[in-house]
Amino acid sequence: MSVQRKSKQRGISFIGLIFFGSMIALAGVVAAQVAPTLVEYMAVQKAAQKAANEGQTPAEIRMVFDKISAIDDIKSITSKELDISKLGDKVVVGYRYQREIHLVGPAFLTLKYEGRSK
C-alpha cells in the first residue's frame, strides 16, 4: 500500500509577480525623479556655505551665490530668496524652497528643502 502525499505549491503567482514588478518599477521611476533634486539640494548647501564664508555684506553674499548658481545650474532658488543674518560675528545664510514632481494625473510629489550655512 503506497501513501501519496499532496505537495503544496509554494511561490508567487504570475499576477503577483506582475504586481510586485510594477511596484518596483514605479518606485524606480519616482527615485529617478527625486535624485536630481537631492543633487541640487547639496549644491545649494555648498553654495550657501561658500557665500557665507566669502561675502561680508548681503549684496556680496548674493553675488557669490549667483555666481555659484550659474556654475552648478541651480534653478530652484535665487539669491533674492536667501535669508541672510548674523549670529554673533558669523554670517548665516538660510534657504527654504520646494520642488514638485508630477506623478500621474492630478497627483504631485512635493519635496520641501531647507537649511542654512554652518
C-alpha atoms as a PDB file:
ATOM      1  CA  MET A   1       0.000   0.000   0.000  1.00  0.00           C
ATOM      2  CA  SER A   2       1.517   3.274  -1.042  1.00  0.00           C
ATOM      3  CA  VAL A   3       0.858   6.555   0.667  1.00  0.00           C
ATOM      4  CA  GLN A   4       0.579   9.545  -1.585  1.00  0.00           C
ATOM      5  CA  ARG A   5       1.290  12.933  -0.209  1.00  0.00           C
ATOM      6  CA  LYS A   6      -0.097  16.054  -1.686  1.00  0.00           C
ATOM      7  CA  SER A   7       2.610  18.638  -2.019  1.00  0.00           C
ATOM      8  CA  LYS A   8       1.591  22.234  -1.702  1.00  0.00           C
ATOM      9  CA  GLN A   9       2.836  24.582  -4.328  1.00  0.00           C
ATOM     10  CA  ARG A  10       4.806  27.437  -2.949  1.00  0.00           C
ATOM     11  CA  GLY A  11       5.936  30.621  -4.575  1.00  0.00           C
ATOM     12  CA  ILE A  12       4.445  33.640  -6.219  1.00  0.00           C
ATOM     13  CA  SER A  13       1.764  33.589  -8.883  1.00  0.00           C
ATOM     14  CA  PHE A  14       2.183  35.288 -12.235  1.00  0.00           C
ATOM     15  CA  ILE A  15      -0.279  38.025 -11.231  1.00  0.00           C
ATOM     16  CA  GLY A  16       1.674  38.571  -8.009  1.00  0.00           C
ATOM     17  CA  LEU A  17       4.900  38.748  -9.986  1.00  0.00           C
ATOM     18  CA  ILE A  18       3.417  41.379 -12.317  1.00  0.00           C
ATOM     19  CA  PHE A  19       2.085  43.382  -9.341  1.00  0.00           C
ATOM     20  CA  PHE A  20       5.369  43.411  -7.429  1.00  0.00           C
ATOM     21  CA  GLY A  21       7.336  44.111 -10.602  1.00  0.00           C
ATOM     22  CA  SER A  22       5.078  47.104 -11.310  1.00  0.00           C
ATOM     23  CA  MET A  23       5.544  48.446  -7.786  1.00  0.00           C
ATOM     24  CA  ILE A  24       9.328  48.136  -8.047  1.00  0.00           C
ATOM     25  CA  ALA A  25       9.287  49.872 -11.457  1.00  0.00           C
ATOM     26  CA  LEU A  26       7.088  52.690 -10.095  1.00  0.00           C
ATOM     27  CA  ALA A  27       9.417  53.178  -7.130  1.00  0.00           C
ATOM     28  CA  GLY A  28      12.368  53.280  -9.542  1.00  0.00           C
ATOM     29  CA  VAL A  29      10.735  55.956 -11.690  1.00  0.00           C
ATOM     30  CA  VAL A  30       9.973  58.128  -8.651  1.00  0.00           C
ATOM     31  CA  ALA A  31      13.510  57.637  -7.294  1.00  0.00           C
ATOM     32  CA  ALA A  32      14.946  58.637 -10.689  1.00  0.00           C
ATOM     33  CA  GLN A  33      12.992  61.901 -10.500  1.00  0.00           C
ATOM     34  CA  VAL A  34      13.868  62.610  -6.851  1.00  0.00           C
ATOM     35  CA  ALA A  35      17.635  62.003  -7.234  1.00  0.00           C
ATOM     36  CA  PRO A  36      18.340  65.213  -9.238  1.00  0.00           C
ATOM     37  CA  THR A  37      16.548  67.300  -6.599  1.00  0.00           C
ATOM     38  CA  LEU A  38      18.803  65.826  -3.924  1.00  0.00           C
ATOM     39  CA  VAL A  39      21.879  66.643  -6.004  1.00  0.00           C
ATOM     40  CA  GLU A  40      20.607  70.201  -6.420  1.00  0.00           C
ATOM     41  CA  TYR A  41      19.948  70.452  -2.661  1.00  0.00           C
ATOM     42  CA  MET A  42      23.566  69.510  -1.960  1.00  0.00           C
ATOM     43  CA  ALA A  43      24.697  72.148  -4.487  1.00  0.00           C
ATOM     44  CA  VAL A  44      22.510  74.775  -2.764  1.00  0.00           C
ATOM     45  CA  GLN A  45      24.002  73.811   0.620  1.00  0.00           C
ATOM     46  CA  LYS A  46      27.530  74.125  -0.776  1.00  0.00           C
ATOM     47  CA  ALA A  47      26.718  77.467  -2.433  1.00  0.00           C
ATOM     48  CA  ALA A  48      25.158  78.881   0.742  1.00  0.00           C
ATOM     49  CA  GLN A  49      28.183  77.843   2.786  1.00  0.00           C
ATOM     50  CA  LYS A  50      30.628  79.339   0.309  1.00  0.00           C
ATOM     51  CA  ALA A  51      28.606  82.570   0.051  1.00  0.00           C
ATOM     52  CA  ALA A  52      28.541  82.883   3.851  1.00  0.00           C
ATOM     53  CA  ASN A  53      32.312  82.357   4.034  1.00  0.00           C
ATOM     54  CA  GLU A  54      33.288  84.707   1.199  1.00  0.00           C
ATOM     55  CA  GLY A  55      30.745  87.535   1.443  1.00  0.00           C
ATOM     56  CA  GLN A  56      30.628  90.222   4.112  1.00  0.00           C
ATOM     57  CA  THR A  57      27.573  92.222   3.087  1.00  0.00           C
ATOM     58  CA  PRO A  58      24.239  90.878   1.860  1.00  0.00           C
ATOM     59  CA  ALA A  59      24.995  92.197  -1.639  1.00  0.00           C
ATOM     60  CA  GLU A  60      28.336  90.348  -1.746  1.00  0.00           C
ATOM     61  CA  ILE A  61      26.727  87.166  -0.425  1.00  0.00           C
ATOM     62  CA  ARG A  62      24.019  87.305  -3.086  1.00  0.00           C
ATOM     63  CA  MET A  63      26.611  87.943  -5.809  1.00  0.00           C
ATOM     64  CA  VAL A  64      28.716  84.944  -4.715  1.00  0.00           C
ATOM     65  CA  PHE A  65      25.596  82.749  -4.561  1.00  0.00           C
ATOM     66  CA  ASP A  66      24.540  83.889  -8.054  1.00  0.00           C
ATOM     67  CA  LYS A  67      27.957  83.014  -9.495  1.00  0.00           C
ATOM     68  CA  ILE A  68      27.909  79.560  -7.920  1.00  0.00           C
ATOM     69  CA  SER A  69      24.291  79.051  -9.034  1.00  0.00           C
ATOM     70  CA  ALA A  70      25.268  79.742 -12.630  1.00  0.00           C
ATOM     71  CA  ILE A  71      28.125  77.245 -12.459  1.00  0.00           C
ATOM     72  CA  ASP A  72      26.192  74.494 -10.633  1.00  0.00           C
ATOM     73  CA  ASP A  73      22.953  75.104 -12.590  1.00  0.00           C
ATOM     74  CA  ILE A  74      20.815  75.807  -9.517  1.00  0.00           C
ATOM     75  CA  LYS A  75      17.322  76.747 -10.673  1.00  0.00           C
ATOM     76  CA  SER A  76      15.101  76.076  -7.638  1.00  0.00           C
ATOM     77  CA  ILE A  77      16.182  79.090  -5.607  1.00  0.00           C
ATOM     78  CA  THR A  78      17.651  82.502  -6.372  1.00  0.00           C
ATOM     79  CA  SER A  79      19.846  84.749  -4.296  1.00  0.00           C
ATOM     80  CA  LYS A  80      16.865  87.033  -3.619  1.00  0.00           C
ATOM     81  CA  GLU A  81      15.215  84.201  -1.664  1.00  0.00           C
ATOM     82  CA  LEU A  82      18.125  83.712   0.737  1.00  0.00           C
ATOM     83  CA  ASP A  83      17.694  84.575   4.403  1.00  0.00           C
ATOM     84  CA  ILE A  84      20.897  86.356   5.398  1.00  0.00           C
ATOM     85  CA  SER A  85      21.503  87.067   9.085  1.00  0.00           C
ATOM     86  CA  LYS A  86      24.291  87.374  11.632  1.00  0.00           C
ATOM     87  CA  LEU A  87      24.780  85.039  14.551  1.00  0.00           C
ATOM     88  CA  GLY A  88      27.324  86.747  16.762  1.00  0.00           C
ATOM     89  CA  ASP A  89      30.157  87.699  14.423  1.00  0.00           C
ATOM     90  CA  LYS A  90      29.305  84.957  11.926  1.00  0.00           C
ATOM     91  CA  VAL A  91      27.199  85.385   8.773  1.00  0.00           C
ATOM     92  CA  VAL A  92      24.479  82.746   8.381  1.00  0.00           C
ATOM     93  CA  VAL A  93      22.805  82.100   5.034  1.00  0.00           C
ATOM     94  CA  GLY A  94      19.486  80.272   5.252  1.00  0.00           C
ATOM     95  CA  TYR A  95      17.298  78.970   2.480  1.00  0.00           C
ATOM     96  CA  ARG A  96      13.936  77.285   2.036  1.00  0.00           C
ATOM     97  CA  TYR A  97      12.340  76.065  -1.181  1.00  0.00           C
ATOM     98  CA  GLN A  98      10.181  73.289  -2.543  1.00  0.00           C
ATOM     99  CA  ARG A  99      10.093  71.155  -5.669  1.00  0.00           C
ATOM    100  CA  GLU A 100       7.090  69.419  -7.166  1.00  0.00           C
ATOM    101  CA  ILE A 101       7.339  66.237  -9.192  1.00  0.00           C
ATOM    102  CA  HIS A 102       4.362  65.313 -11.359  1.00  0.00           C
ATOM    103  CA  LEU A 103       3.435  61.684 -10.797  1.00  0.00           C
ATOM    104  CA  VAL A 104       0.236  60.960 -12.705  1.00  0.00           C
ATOM    105  CA  GLY A 105      -2.936  62.917 -13.429  1.00  0.00           C
ATOM    106  CA  PRO A 106      -3.523  65.413 -10.629  1.00  0.00           C
ATOM    107  CA  ALA A 107      -1.009  63.726  -8.287  1.00  0.00           C
ATOM    108  CA  PHE A 108       2.228  65.512  -7.400  1.00  0.00           C
ATOM    109  CA  LEU A 109       5.045  64.691  -5.011  1.00  0.00           C
ATOM    110  CA  THR A 110       6.099  67.841  -3.120  1.00  0.00           C
ATOM    111  CA  LEU A 111       9.611  67.932  -1.678  1.00  0.00           C
ATOM    112  CA  LYS A 112      10.428  70.703   0.799  1.00  0.00           C
ATOM    113  CA  TYR A 113      14.072  71.575   1.327  1.00  0.00           C
ATOM    114  CA  GLU A 114      15.548  73.948   3.886  1.00  0.00           C
ATOM    115  CA  GLY A 115      18.858  74.549   5.542  1.00  0.00           C
ATOM    116  CA  ARG A 116      21.467  77.097   6.461  1.00  0.00           C
ATOM    117  CA  SER A 117      25.179  77.593   6.393  1.00  0.00           C
ATOM    118  CA  LYS A 118      27.213  76.388   9.353  1.00  0.00           C
END
